[in-house]
Amino acid sequence: MSESQVFIIVGKDYNAFMSKLFEPLTLRSVTFTNRAWVSPMCQYSAVDGFVGQWHRVHLGAFATGGPGLIMVEATGVVPEGRISVACPSIEDDAHAQAFTSIIDFAHEHNVKMGIQLAHAGRKASTTKPGSDHLMATLNEGGWQSVGASPIAFHGYMEPHELTIPEIKELVKSFAAAAVRAVNVGFDVIEIHAAHGYLLHSFYSPLSNKRSDEYGGDFAGRTRFLLETTKAVRDAIPDGTPLFVRISATDWVDDGWNLVDSIELSSQLKSLGVDLIDVSTGGNLHNAPIKATPGFQVPFATAIRTEVGIPTSAVGLITEPEQAEHILETNEADAIFLARAMLRNPRWALYAAEKLGIKIPWPTQLERGRTLN
């Protein structure tokens, strides 16, 4: 069948059929070719904070698969901000430069690259998965974790409570890391403020028991994140989109909740954030979460509706039709996929085929196309 012929798909002709999943999205000066995005996924494969061959192949495989955006895994803004001894950092120019070949390869395939800037807080300094113990010793490269309050996450060490001067330094560290990321070619900056890591541990009342200006009420607990966001936005070019990933709920009555997240997202929007990457949980080890397909999507929808800011949906979204429905019904503006991308790094190409949409394939892979 030639390209000039018409496909008939669910009662619509091919030339008229438009997929929301494969509709471009523009945020500031960046246009994403589609809304099927690769979620940040820890690989525990860095050496002394440097990404290497595994990351080049791992992320490169996604780049050949047609996503609109690849978000690099949680990357420490300081060495102590890493989740594990085998997680990456962007603590200096040398660590930033290690990403350049990956970014260049993605750009060759018209795929945008983002980086998730992170500090693991009280959930830091772990060993690699598969070890017979959780916390890394000093001999294994471990370090003292830090947090909003000296309250340990279940099974982890008790963190050092950050002083106000230390908080101020970390705000600067996030901004400096964002500048390094932009300088080596990243198209998008994301601040990781979810999953029980440092910034989440400050805004959640479960882990923040401070009585100073960074604790207490909503304004105090969100201050660190808002100051970090302002510093990052001020440090990067106006045309660079800024995302923030939040946990929209702690899933317990006395924790952070959706009403809080809507107010926080409104304030983040006023600071120049372009998209809220909506996840949930991570700050309580036994939170009563019923993880069913699309279980986090309603949180993204509520924030999108109430705040008027683009959101991305994540969490057990696996099928093209499922992703398409979320976007078509205006529940979110983009879809981040993790496990589905691990199983099939070319998920976006597969999804286009499944939905009857023709998108460009790398020339090297054209023989695998089923639509002709």
Protein backbone atom coordinates (compact mmCIF):
# COMPACT_ATOMS: atom_id res chain seq x y z
CA MET A 1 0.00 0.00 0.00
CA SER A 2 1.45 3.36 -0.98
CA GLU A 3 1.53 6.42 1.24
CA SER A 4 -1.00 8.11 -1.05
CA GLN A 5 -3.61 5.49 -0.24
CA VAL A 6 -6.07 6.00 2.61
CA PHE A 7 -6.31 3.85 5.74
CA ILE A 8 -9.75 3.35 7.26
CA ILE A 9 -9.45 3.26 11.07
CA VAL A 10 -12.45 3.11 13.41
CA GLY A 11 -14.57 4.87 10.85
CA LYS A 12 -12.07 7.65 10.13
CA ASP A 13 -9.79 7.94 7.15
CA TYR A 14 -6.03 7.90 7.77
CA ASN A 15 -5.44 11.39 6.44
CA ALA A 16 -8.04 12.90 8.79
CA PHE A 17 -7.30 10.79 11.88
CA MET A 18 -5.33 12.68 14.49
CA SER A 19 -3.80 11.04 17.52
CA LYS A 20 -3.45 13.21 20.60
CA LEU A 21 -0.54 11.02 21.73
CA PHE A 22 1.35 11.96 18.58
CA GLU A 23 0.35 15.60 18.50
CA PRO A 24 3.28 17.98 19.11
CA LEU A 25 3.43 19.91 22.37
CA THR A 26 5.25 23.23 22.73
CA LEU A 27 6.39 24.56 26.10
CA ARG A 28 8.32 27.81 25.97
CA SER A 29 10.87 27.44 23.13
CA VAL A 30 10.83 23.64 23.02
CA THR A 31 8.52 21.59 20.80
CA PHE A 32 8.16 17.90 21.58
CA THR A 33 7.25 15.84 18.52
CA ASN A 34 4.80 13.77 20.57
CA ARG A 35 3.52 13.22 24.12
CA ALA A 36 4.85 9.70 24.73
CA TRP A 37 7.72 10.41 27.11
CA VAL A 38 10.31 8.26 28.86
CA SER A 39 10.02 8.56 32.62
CA PRO A 40 13.18 8.95 34.75
CA MET A 41 14.26 5.49 35.92
CA CYS A 42 17.15 4.75 38.29
CA GLN A 43 19.73 2.40 36.79
CA TYR A 44 22.23 2.15 39.66
CA SER A 45 25.03 1.96 37.12
CA ALA A 46 27.05 5.15 37.62
CA VAL A 47 30.63 5.06 38.87
CA ASP A 48 31.56 7.85 41.28
CA GLY A 49 28.52 9.73 40.02
CA PHE A 50 29.53 9.52 36.34
CA VAL A 51 27.18 8.11 33.73
CA GLY A 52 28.89 5.65 31.40
CA GLN A 53 28.46 2.99 28.78
CA TRP A 54 25.30 1.49 30.29
CA HIS A 55 23.55 4.86 30.23
CA ARG A 56 24.65 5.54 26.66
CA VAL A 57 23.13 2.28 25.47
CA HIS A 58 20.10 2.37 27.77
CA LEU A 59 19.08 5.94 26.92
CA GLY A 60 20.22 5.59 23.32
CA ALA A 61 17.79 2.71 22.83
CA PHE A 62 14.94 5.01 23.84
CA ALA A 63 16.20 7.68 21.45
CA THR A 64 15.85 5.28 18.51
CA GLY A 65 12.29 4.51 19.58
CA GLY A 66 10.57 7.78 18.77
CA PRO A 67 9.55 9.34 22.13
CA GLY A 68 9.01 13.07 22.40
CA LEU A 69 11.19 13.36 25.51
CA ILE A 70 13.63 11.26 27.50
CA MET A 71 13.96 12.28 31.13
CA VAL A 72 17.26 11.17 32.65
CA GLU A 73 17.03 9.49 36.04
CA ALA A 74 17.27 11.28 39.40
CA THR A 75 20.67 12.98 39.34
CA GLY A 76 22.19 14.39 42.50
CA VAL A 77 22.88 18.11 42.54
CA VAL A 78 25.60 17.31 45.10
CA PRO A 79 27.32 13.95 45.73
CA GLU A 80 25.28 13.44 48.91
CA GLY A 81 22.11 14.01 46.91
CA ARG A 82 22.39 10.67 45.16
CA ILE A 83 20.00 7.89 46.11
CA SER A 84 22.68 5.20 46.08
CA VAL A 85 26.43 4.90 45.71
CA ALA A 86 25.76 3.93 42.08
CA CYS A 87 23.49 6.83 41.10
CA PRO A 88 24.61 9.75 38.91
CA SER A 89 25.34 13.30 39.95
CA ILE A 90 25.84 16.58 38.18
CA GLU A 91 27.93 18.13 40.92
CA ASP A 92 30.49 19.74 38.61
CA ASP A 93 31.31 20.35 34.94
CA ALA A 94 33.07 17.00 34.51
CA HIS A 95 29.99 15.07 35.64
CA ALA A 96 27.81 17.20 33.38
CA GLN A 97 30.05 16.62 30.36
CA ALA A 98 29.57 12.86 30.71
CA PHE A 99 26.02 13.33 29.38
CA THR A 100 26.99 15.08 26.13
CA SER A 101 27.26 12.06 23.83
CA ILE A 102 23.87 10.80 25.03
CA ILE A 103 22.23 14.17 24.45
CA ASP A 104 23.82 14.55 21.02
CA PHE A 105 22.61 11.10 19.96
CA ALA A 106 19.05 11.85 21.06
CA HIS A 107 19.07 15.16 19.23
CA GLU A 108 20.20 13.41 16.05
CA HIS A 109 16.90 11.52 16.26
CA ASN A 110 14.83 14.64 17.01
CA VAL A 111 14.22 13.55 20.60
CA LYS A 112 14.36 16.10 23.40
CA MET A 113 16.37 15.39 26.55
CA GLY A 114 15.50 16.35 30.12
CA ILE A 115 17.24 15.76 33.41
CA GLN A 116 15.66 15.23 36.80
CA LEU A 117 17.67 17.24 39.33
CA ALA A 118 17.42 15.60 42.72
CA HIS A 119 18.45 15.30 46.31
CA ALA A 120 17.51 12.03 47.97
CA GLY A 121 17.49 13.48 51.47
CA ARG A 122 16.74 10.92 54.16
CA LYS A 123 16.47 8.15 51.54
CA ALA A 124 20.09 8.58 50.40
CA SER A 125 23.30 6.58 50.76
CA THR A 126 22.00 3.13 49.89
CA THR A 127 23.87 0.26 48.31
CA LYS A 128 23.12 -1.04 44.82
CA PRO A 129 20.04 -3.24 44.49
CA GLY A 130 20.89 -6.87 45.13
CA SER A 131 23.20 -6.18 48.06
CA ASP A 132 22.64 -8.10 51.29
CA HIS A 133 22.23 -4.81 53.18
CA LEU A 134 20.47 -1.53 52.46
CA MET A 135 22.68 1.27 53.75
CA ALA A 136 26.13 1.78 52.29
CA THR A 137 28.98 1.89 54.79
CA LEU A 138 31.66 4.56 54.67
CA ASN A 139 34.02 1.99 53.15
CA GLU A 140 31.45 1.38 50.42
CA GLY A 141 31.24 5.10 49.69
CA GLY A 142 28.26 5.88 51.91
CA TRP A 143 27.61 9.17 53.71
CA GLN A 144 25.43 10.79 56.35
CA SER A 145 21.96 11.50 54.98
CA VAL A 146 20.10 14.74 55.63
CA GLY A 147 16.46 15.69 56.00
CA ALA A 148 13.90 18.18 57.18
CA SER A 149 13.90 16.58 60.63
CA PRO A 150 15.87 13.77 62.30
CA ILE A 151 13.19 11.22 61.42
CA ALA A 152 14.39 8.10 59.63
CA PHE A 153 12.53 6.58 56.71
CA HIS A 154 11.64 2.97 57.50
CA GLY A 155 14.84 0.88 57.54
CA TYR A 156 17.13 3.81 56.76
CA MET A 157 19.56 5.79 58.91
CA GLU A 158 18.45 8.77 60.95
CA PRO A 159 19.17 11.89 58.88
CA HIS A 160 20.98 15.00 59.99
CA GLU A 161 18.49 17.87 60.30
CA LEU A 162 19.51 20.52 57.82
CA THR A 163 20.35 23.93 59.23
CA ILE A 164 19.04 27.06 57.56
CA PRO A 165 22.48 27.92 56.09
CA GLU A 166 22.70 24.36 54.71
CA ILE A 167 19.26 24.74 53.11
CA LYS A 168 20.35 28.00 51.48
CA GLU A 169 23.45 26.28 50.07
CA LEU A 170 21.36 23.49 48.60
CA VAL A 171 19.09 26.01 46.87
CA LYS A 172 22.23 27.36 45.20
CA SER A 173 23.33 23.81 44.36
CA PHE A 174 20.09 23.12 42.49
CA ALA A 175 20.48 26.33 40.50
CA ALA A 176 24.12 25.63 39.68
CA ALA A 177 23.26 22.09 38.57
CA ALA A 178 20.51 23.44 36.31
CA VAL A 179 22.99 25.78 34.64
CA ARG A 180 25.42 22.92 34.05
CA ALA A 181 22.62 20.83 32.56
CA VAL A 182 21.55 23.54 30.13
CA ASN A 183 25.16 24.21 29.16
CA VAL A 184 25.68 20.61 28.03
CA GLY A 185 22.51 20.58 25.96
CA PHE A 186 19.59 19.40 28.06
CA ASP A 187 16.31 20.79 26.70
CA VAL A 188 14.25 20.45 29.88
CA ILE A 189 14.99 20.78 33.58
CA GLU A 190 12.89 18.89 36.12
CA ILE A 191 13.09 19.38 39.89
CA HIS A 192 12.44 16.12 41.72
CA ALA A 193 10.16 16.95 44.64
CA ALA A 194 8.41 13.61 45.03
CA HIS A 195 8.72 10.08 46.42
CA GLY A 196 9.91 10.98 49.90
CA TYR A 197 13.15 12.55 48.78
CA LEU A 198 14.48 15.78 50.26
CA LEU A 199 12.05 18.38 48.92
CA HIS A 200 9.04 16.13 49.50
CA SER A 201 10.26 15.40 53.03
CA PHE A 202 10.09 19.14 53.69
CA TYR A 203 6.57 19.78 52.40
CA SER A 204 5.03 16.66 53.93
CA PRO A 205 3.91 16.98 57.56
CA LEU A 206 4.82 13.31 58.06
CA SER A 207 8.54 14.06 57.90
CA ASN A 208 8.84 17.77 58.69
CA LYS A 209 8.53 18.58 62.40
CA ARG A 210 10.57 21.79 62.27
CA SER A 211 9.56 24.90 64.19
CA ASP A 212 11.58 27.41 62.17
CA GLU A 213 10.71 29.16 58.90
CA TYR A 214 11.06 25.88 56.97
CA GLY A 215 8.53 23.98 59.05
CA GLY A 216 5.15 24.28 60.69
CA ASP A 217 2.36 25.40 58.38
CA PHE A 218 1.95 24.96 54.63
CA ALA A 219 3.94 28.11 53.86
CA GLY A 220 6.87 27.00 55.98
CA ARG A 221 6.96 23.43 54.71
CA THR A 222 6.80 24.45 51.04
CA ARG A 223 9.34 27.26 51.39
CA PHE A 224 12.38 25.13 50.45
CA LEU A 225 10.79 23.88 47.24
CA LEU A 226 9.52 27.32 46.25
CA GLU A 227 12.89 28.94 46.88
CA THR A 228 14.59 26.18 44.89
CA THR A 229 12.15 26.58 42.02
CA LYS A 230 12.65 30.35 41.87
CA ALA A 231 16.43 29.95 41.94
CA VAL A 232 16.39 27.40 39.13
CA ARG A 233 13.94 29.38 36.99
CA ASP A 234 16.07 32.51 37.41
CA ALA A 235 19.24 30.60 36.51
CA ILE A 236 18.15 28.97 33.25
CA PRO A 237 17.24 30.56 29.91
CA ASP A 238 13.70 31.85 29.53
CA GLY A 239 13.13 29.43 26.67
CA THR A 240 13.98 26.33 28.72
CA PRO A 241 10.93 24.53 30.13
CA LEU A 242 10.93 23.81 33.85
CA PHE A 243 9.03 20.82 35.24
CA VAL A 244 8.47 19.86 38.87
CA ARG A 245 7.62 16.28 39.88
CA ILE A 246 5.51 16.14 43.01
CA SER A 247 3.81 13.44 45.03
CA ALA A 248 0.21 14.65 44.97
CA THR A 249 -0.69 12.67 48.10
CA ASP A 250 0.93 10.71 50.90
CA TRP A 251 -2.16 8.44 50.87
CA VAL A 252 -2.90 8.93 54.57
CA ASP A 253 -5.22 11.39 56.32
CA ASP A 254 -2.52 13.19 58.30
CA GLY A 255 -0.15 13.55 55.35
CA TRP A 256 0.18 15.73 52.28
CA ASN A 257 -2.95 15.68 50.10
CA LEU A 258 -4.43 16.75 46.79
CA VAL A 259 -5.79 20.04 48.14
CA ASP A 260 -2.23 20.89 49.24
CA SER A 261 -0.90 19.88 45.83
CA ILE A 262 -3.33 22.12 43.99
CA GLU A 263 -2.26 25.12 46.07
CA LEU A 264 1.44 24.23 45.68
CA SER A 265 1.05 23.81 41.92
CA SER A 266 -0.61 27.22 41.69
CA GLN A 267 2.36 28.79 43.42
CA LEU A 268 4.81 26.83 41.23
CA LYS A 269 2.99 28.09 38.16
CA SER A 270 3.38 31.68 39.36
CA LEU A 271 7.14 31.08 39.63
CA GLY A 272 7.39 30.03 35.99
CA VAL A 273 6.99 26.26 36.15
CA ASP A 274 5.66 24.94 32.85
CA LEU A 275 4.44 21.46 33.74
CA ILE A 276 3.64 19.51 36.90
CA ASP A 277 4.80 15.91 36.65
CA VAL A 278 2.25 14.23 38.90
CA SER A 279 3.14 11.14 40.89
CA THR A 280 2.15 10.06 44.42
CA GLY A 281 3.47 8.43 47.58
CA GLY A 282 7.00 7.50 48.57
CA ASN A 283 7.21 9.20 51.95
CA LEU A 284 5.57 6.41 53.97
CA HIS A 285 6.78 2.84 53.56
CA ASN A 286 3.38 1.21 54.20
CA ALA A 287 1.02 3.73 52.61
CA PRO A 288 -2.26 2.06 51.59
CA ILE A 289 -1.84 2.46 47.83
CA LYS A 290 -4.00 0.44 45.46
CA ALA A 291 -1.88 0.49 42.33
CA THR A 292 -4.25 -0.17 39.45
CA PRO A 293 -3.85 0.93 35.81
CA GLY A 294 -3.87 4.72 35.67
CA PHE A 295 -4.36 5.07 39.42
CA GLN A 296 -2.48 8.39 39.57
CA VAL A 297 -4.15 10.00 36.57
CA PRO A 298 -7.01 11.63 38.55
CA PHE A 299 -4.46 13.65 40.51
CA ALA A 300 -2.93 15.00 37.31
CA THR A 301 -6.41 15.82 36.05
CA ALA A 302 -7.40 17.70 39.19
CA ILE A 303 -4.24 19.81 39.18
CA ARG A 304 -4.59 20.51 35.46
CA THR A 305 -8.21 21.56 35.87
CA GLU A 306 -7.93 23.59 39.05
CA VAL A 307 -4.63 25.33 38.36
CA GLY A 308 -4.70 25.65 34.59
CA ILE A 309 -1.20 24.26 34.16
CA PRO A 310 -0.08 21.41 31.89
CA THR A 311 0.41 18.11 33.69
CA SER A 312 1.90 14.75 32.86
CA ALA A 313 0.44 11.45 33.97
CA VAL A 314 2.49 8.48 35.14
CA GLY A 315 1.88 5.12 36.78
CA LEU A 316 0.78 1.79 35.25
CA ILE A 317 0.07 3.33 31.87
CA THR A 318 1.08 0.60 29.47
CA GLU A 319 -1.17 0.46 26.39
CA PRO A 320 -1.35 2.94 23.50
CA GLU A 321 -5.14 3.09 23.66
CA GLN A 322 -4.97 3.85 27.38
CA ALA A 323 -2.50 6.68 26.85
CA GLU A 324 -4.52 8.04 23.94
CA HIS A 325 -7.72 8.06 26.01
CA ILE A 326 -6.07 9.99 28.86
CA LEU A 327 -4.98 12.71 26.45
CA GLU A 328 -8.15 12.76 24.34
CA THR A 329 -10.28 13.28 27.45
CA ASN A 330 -8.00 16.10 28.65
CA GLU A 331 -6.94 14.28 31.80
CA ALA A 332 -3.30 15.22 31.20
CA ASP A 333 -1.10 16.80 28.53
CA ALA A 334 1.63 14.16 28.26
CA ILE A 335 2.31 10.59 29.35
CA PHE A 336 5.45 9.45 31.14
CA LEU A 337 6.08 5.71 30.79
CA ALA A 338 8.57 3.68 32.80
CA ARG A 339 8.10 -0.10 32.94
CA ALA A 340 6.46 -0.18 29.52
CA MET A 341 9.54 1.56 28.09
CA LEU A 342 11.87 -0.85 29.89
CA ARG A 343 10.04 -3.76 28.31
CA ASN A 344 10.00 -2.10 24.90
CA PRO A 345 12.34 0.89 24.42
CA ARG A 346 10.61 1.50 21.08
CA TRP A 347 7.19 1.74 22.68
CA ALA A 348 6.40 4.99 20.85
CA LEU A 349 6.95 3.37 17.45
CA TYR A 350 4.79 0.44 18.55
CA ALA A 351 2.08 2.80 19.81
CA ALA A 352 1.95 4.70 16.53
CA GLU A 353 1.56 1.43 14.64
CA LYS A 354 -1.16 0.29 17.04
CA LEU A 355 -3.06 3.55 16.67
CA GLY A 356 -2.65 3.61 12.90
CA ILE A 357 -0.41 6.68 12.84
CA LYS A 358 2.64 6.97 10.63
CA ILE A 359 5.61 8.67 12.27
CA PRO A 360 9.25 8.79 11.16
CA TRP A 361 11.39 5.76 11.96
CA PRO A 362 15.19 5.69 12.01
CA THR A 363 16.32 4.54 8.59
CA GLN A 364 18.13 1.60 10.17
CA LEU A 365 14.84 0.27 11.57
CA GLU A 366 12.53 0.84 8.60
CA ARG A 367 12.40 -2.87 7.73
CA GLY A 368 10.59 -3.46 11.01
CA ARG A 369 7.68 -1.23 10.12
CA THR A 370 4.38 -3.03 9.57
CA LEU A 371 2.48 -0.08 8.14
CA ASN A 372 3.69 0.60 4.59
